[in-house]
Amino acid sequence: MNLYRQSIILFGIVIPIVVAGVIVGAGIFLKSKMVASYDDKQSNFKKYEQGRIAGLQIEAQVTRQRQHLDRWKAQLSEETASAVATNLRSIMEHLPSKEIQQTAFERPGTSSGFGTAAAQTSSQIRIAFRGTYRTLQQAFLELETKMPQLQLQELKMDPSSTQSTLMNLQVTYIAWEN
């Protein structure tokens, strides 16, 4: 019996324990891989769902803003100088004529400043007024509210030599066009 003791220990105990250890180790390794894969897929799904929900919210916002987008496109496609002149006329109708007076309106042939650096088409408009500070401020607030495509490029303000309550104001706008 002594002759078979080594074989019995080797083939009956050691090899089965090693094989069982390898099987258990492979099982633990596969389980950890599956758990990691599951966690990765679950986090990817959460990211996908968050992106999908955010996309639906943005789409809903865009749908609600559709009429404004159409209005803005129409506004950008108008001829800028005539639109500014029309808006200024309508603004000045309800302001006191003693407190505001348009002294110049010109559209320089060459553009400068921001307009030349951008790929978007633009035109330049220079407007001069004489009036009280408050009335001029209100007029420009209304103009820039009605025409958001105007971007202030230059502003010059001087006191009027004729009356102390009035000031001369010259503004240059870049008007972004479609």
Protein backbone atom coordinates (compact mmCIF):
# COMPACT_ATOMS: atom_id res chain seq x y z
CA MET A 1 0.00 0.00 0.00
CA ASN A 2 2.89 2.29 0.50
CA LEU A 3 3.58 2.12 -3.19
CA TYR A 4 0.22 3.61 -4.11
CA ARG A 5 0.10 6.26 -1.40
CA GLN A 6 1.87 8.91 -3.52
CA SER A 7 -0.32 8.26 -6.53
CA ILE A 8 -3.47 8.37 -4.42
CA ILE A 9 -2.40 11.65 -2.78
CA LEU A 10 -1.36 13.15 -6.11
CA PHE A 11 -4.29 12.01 -8.25
CA GLY A 12 -6.93 11.81 -5.49
CA ILE A 13 -6.22 14.95 -3.49
CA VAL A 14 -3.71 17.41 -5.02
CA ILE A 15 -4.86 17.43 -8.66
CA PRO A 16 -8.57 17.67 -7.76
CA ILE A 17 -7.82 20.55 -5.34
CA VAL A 18 -5.75 22.36 -8.02
CA VAL A 19 -8.43 21.77 -10.68
CA ALA A 20 -11.14 22.94 -8.25
CA GLY A 21 -9.02 26.01 -7.39
CA VAL A 22 -8.58 26.82 -11.09
CA ILE A 23 -12.33 26.41 -11.69
CA VAL A 24 -13.20 28.57 -8.66
CA GLY A 25 -10.62 31.22 -9.71
CA ALA A 26 -11.95 31.23 -13.29
CA GLY A 27 -15.49 31.56 -11.92
CA ILE A 28 -14.51 34.49 -9.68
CA PHE A 29 -12.67 36.15 -12.59
CA LEU A 30 -15.63 35.69 -14.95
CA LYS A 31 -18.05 36.96 -12.29
CA SER A 32 -15.95 40.11 -11.75
CA LYS A 33 -15.78 40.66 -15.53
CA MET A 34 -19.56 40.24 -15.81
CA VAL A 35 -20.19 42.64 -12.89
CA ALA A 36 -17.83 45.22 -14.42
CA SER A 37 -19.51 44.82 -17.81
CA TYR A 38 -22.95 45.15 -16.22
CA ASP A 39 -21.93 48.30 -14.32
CA ASP A 40 -20.41 49.79 -17.48
CA LYS A 41 -23.53 49.04 -19.51
CA GLN A 42 -25.75 50.41 -16.76
CA SER A 43 -23.78 53.69 -16.58
CA ASN A 44 -23.82 53.96 -20.39
CA PHE A 45 -27.58 53.44 -20.35
CA LYS A 46 -28.00 56.16 -17.69
CA LYS A 47 -25.90 58.56 -19.80
CA TYR A 48 -27.94 57.65 -22.87
CA GLU A 49 -31.21 58.26 -21.02
CA GLN A 50 -29.98 61.61 -19.67
CA GLY A 51 -28.91 62.65 -23.18
CA ARG A 52 -32.21 61.49 -24.66
CA ILE A 53 -34.23 63.37 -22.04
CA ALA A 54 -32.09 66.50 -22.49
CA GLY A 55 -32.57 66.23 -26.26
CA LEU A 56 -36.33 65.97 -25.84
CA GLN A 57 -36.33 69.02 -23.57
CA ILE A 58 -34.28 71.03 -26.08
CA GLU A 59 -36.57 69.89 -28.89
CA ALA A 60 -39.59 71.04 -26.86
CA GLN A 61 -37.95 74.42 -26.27
CA VAL A 62 -37.11 74.80 -29.95
CA THR A 63 -40.68 73.89 -30.89
CA ARG A 64 -42.02 76.55 -28.50
CA GLN A 65 -39.60 79.12 -29.96
CA ARG A 66 -40.37 78.25 -33.60
CA GLN A 67 -42.51 81.34 -34.26
CA HIS A 68 -39.76 83.55 -32.84
CA LEU A 69 -37.19 81.86 -35.08
CA ASP A 70 -39.33 82.55 -38.14
CA ARG A 71 -39.78 86.18 -37.04
CA TRP A 72 -36.02 86.55 -36.46
CA LYS A 73 -35.23 85.10 -39.88
CA ALA A 74 -37.67 87.52 -41.49
CA GLN A 75 -36.18 90.38 -39.51
CA LEU A 76 -32.64 89.46 -40.56
CA SER A 77 -33.66 89.23 -44.19
CA GLU A 78 -35.05 92.82 -44.23
CA GLU A 79 -32.96 95.63 -45.64
CA THR A 80 -31.23 97.00 -42.54
CA ALA A 81 -31.10 100.73 -43.21
CA SER A 82 -34.80 101.01 -44.03
CA ALA A 83 -35.74 98.81 -41.04
CA VAL A 84 -33.69 101.02 -38.70
CA ALA A 85 -35.19 104.19 -40.20
CA THR A 86 -38.74 102.81 -39.86
CA ASN A 87 -38.16 101.72 -36.28
CA LEU A 88 -36.59 105.06 -35.36
CA ARG A 89 -39.57 106.91 -36.85
CA SER A 90 -42.04 104.82 -34.86
CA ILE A 91 -40.00 105.25 -31.66
CA MET A 92 -39.64 109.01 -32.07
CA GLU A 93 -43.39 109.44 -32.65
CA HIS A 94 -44.19 108.79 -28.99
CA LEU A 95 -41.17 110.66 -27.55
CA PRO A 96 -41.29 114.43 -26.90
CA SER A 97 -40.01 116.20 -30.02
CA LYS A 98 -38.34 118.93 -27.94
CA GLU A 99 -36.23 116.32 -26.17
CA ILE A 100 -34.95 114.34 -29.17
CA GLN A 101 -33.97 115.22 -32.71
CA GLN A 102 -32.25 113.06 -35.29
CA THR A 103 -29.40 114.99 -36.87
CA ALA A 104 -27.81 112.39 -39.15
CA PHE A 105 -28.37 108.93 -40.57
CA GLU A 106 -25.76 107.44 -42.83
CA ARG A 107 -24.74 104.06 -44.09
CA PRO A 108 -21.01 104.04 -44.80
CA GLY A 109 -20.01 102.08 -47.88
CA THR A 110 -17.15 100.28 -46.17
CA SER A 111 -17.57 98.22 -43.04
CA SER A 112 -15.05 98.16 -40.25
CA GLY A 113 -14.65 96.72 -36.79
CA PHE A 114 -16.43 93.48 -35.92
CA GLY A 115 -18.12 93.21 -39.29
CA THR A 116 -14.92 92.68 -41.22
CA ALA A 117 -13.62 90.02 -38.83
CA ALA A 118 -16.74 87.81 -38.96
CA ALA A 119 -17.86 85.46 -41.70
CA GLN A 120 -21.47 86.61 -41.15
CA THR A 121 -22.59 89.36 -43.51
CA SER A 122 -23.12 92.72 -41.89
CA SER A 123 -23.59 96.38 -42.63
CA GLN A 124 -22.68 99.49 -40.73
CA ILE A 125 -25.09 102.26 -39.72
CA ARG A 126 -24.16 105.60 -38.18
CA ILE A 127 -26.87 107.66 -36.47
CA ALA A 128 -26.59 111.05 -34.74
CA PHE A 129 -29.06 112.62 -32.32
CA ARG A 130 -29.46 115.71 -30.20
CA GLY A 131 -31.56 115.37 -27.07
CA THR A 132 -31.76 114.83 -23.34
CA TYR A 133 -29.91 111.92 -21.83
CA ARG A 134 -33.04 110.16 -20.57
CA THR A 135 -34.93 110.45 -23.87
CA LEU A 136 -31.91 109.29 -25.89
CA GLN A 137 -31.44 106.39 -23.53
CA GLN A 138 -35.09 105.37 -23.92
CA ALA A 139 -34.92 105.68 -27.73
CA PHE A 140 -31.85 103.45 -27.98
CA LEU A 141 -33.31 100.95 -25.53
CA GLU A 142 -36.41 100.60 -27.70
CA LEU A 143 -34.38 100.43 -30.93
CA GLU A 144 -32.08 97.71 -29.61
CA THR A 145 -35.07 95.80 -28.23
CA LYS A 146 -36.86 95.88 -31.58
CA MET A 147 -33.70 95.06 -33.53
CA PRO A 148 -31.52 92.62 -31.57
CA GLN A 149 -29.26 92.12 -34.61
CA LEU A 150 -27.73 95.57 -33.98
CA GLN A 151 -24.41 95.52 -32.16
CA LEU A 152 -23.00 98.75 -30.80
CA GLN A 153 -19.60 99.45 -32.28
CA GLU A 154 -18.94 103.06 -31.36
CA LEU A 155 -20.58 105.69 -29.13
CA LYS A 156 -19.62 109.37 -28.98
CA MET A 157 -21.33 111.72 -26.54
CA ASP A 158 -20.72 115.49 -26.35
CA PRO A 159 -22.59 118.27 -24.55
CA SER A 160 -24.60 120.48 -26.88
CA SER A 161 -23.21 123.96 -27.41
CA THR A 162 -26.68 125.51 -27.84
CA GLN A 163 -28.46 124.23 -24.72
CA SER A 164 -27.02 122.84 -21.49
CA THR A 165 -29.75 120.19 -21.03
CA LEU A 166 -29.16 118.66 -24.47
CA MET A 167 -26.31 116.48 -25.69
CA ASN A 168 -25.06 115.36 -29.07
CA LEU A 169 -24.85 111.61 -29.46
CA GLN A 170 -23.40 109.66 -32.36
CA VAL A 171 -23.62 105.86 -32.49
CA THR A 172 -22.29 103.36 -34.96
CA TYR A 173 -23.95 99.98 -35.16
CA ILE A 174 -23.00 96.76 -36.89
CA ALA A 175 -26.19 95.20 -38.23
CA TRP A 176 -25.93 91.45 -38.75
CA GLU A 177 -27.77 90.29 -41.85
CA ASN A 178 -28.92 87.02 -43.31
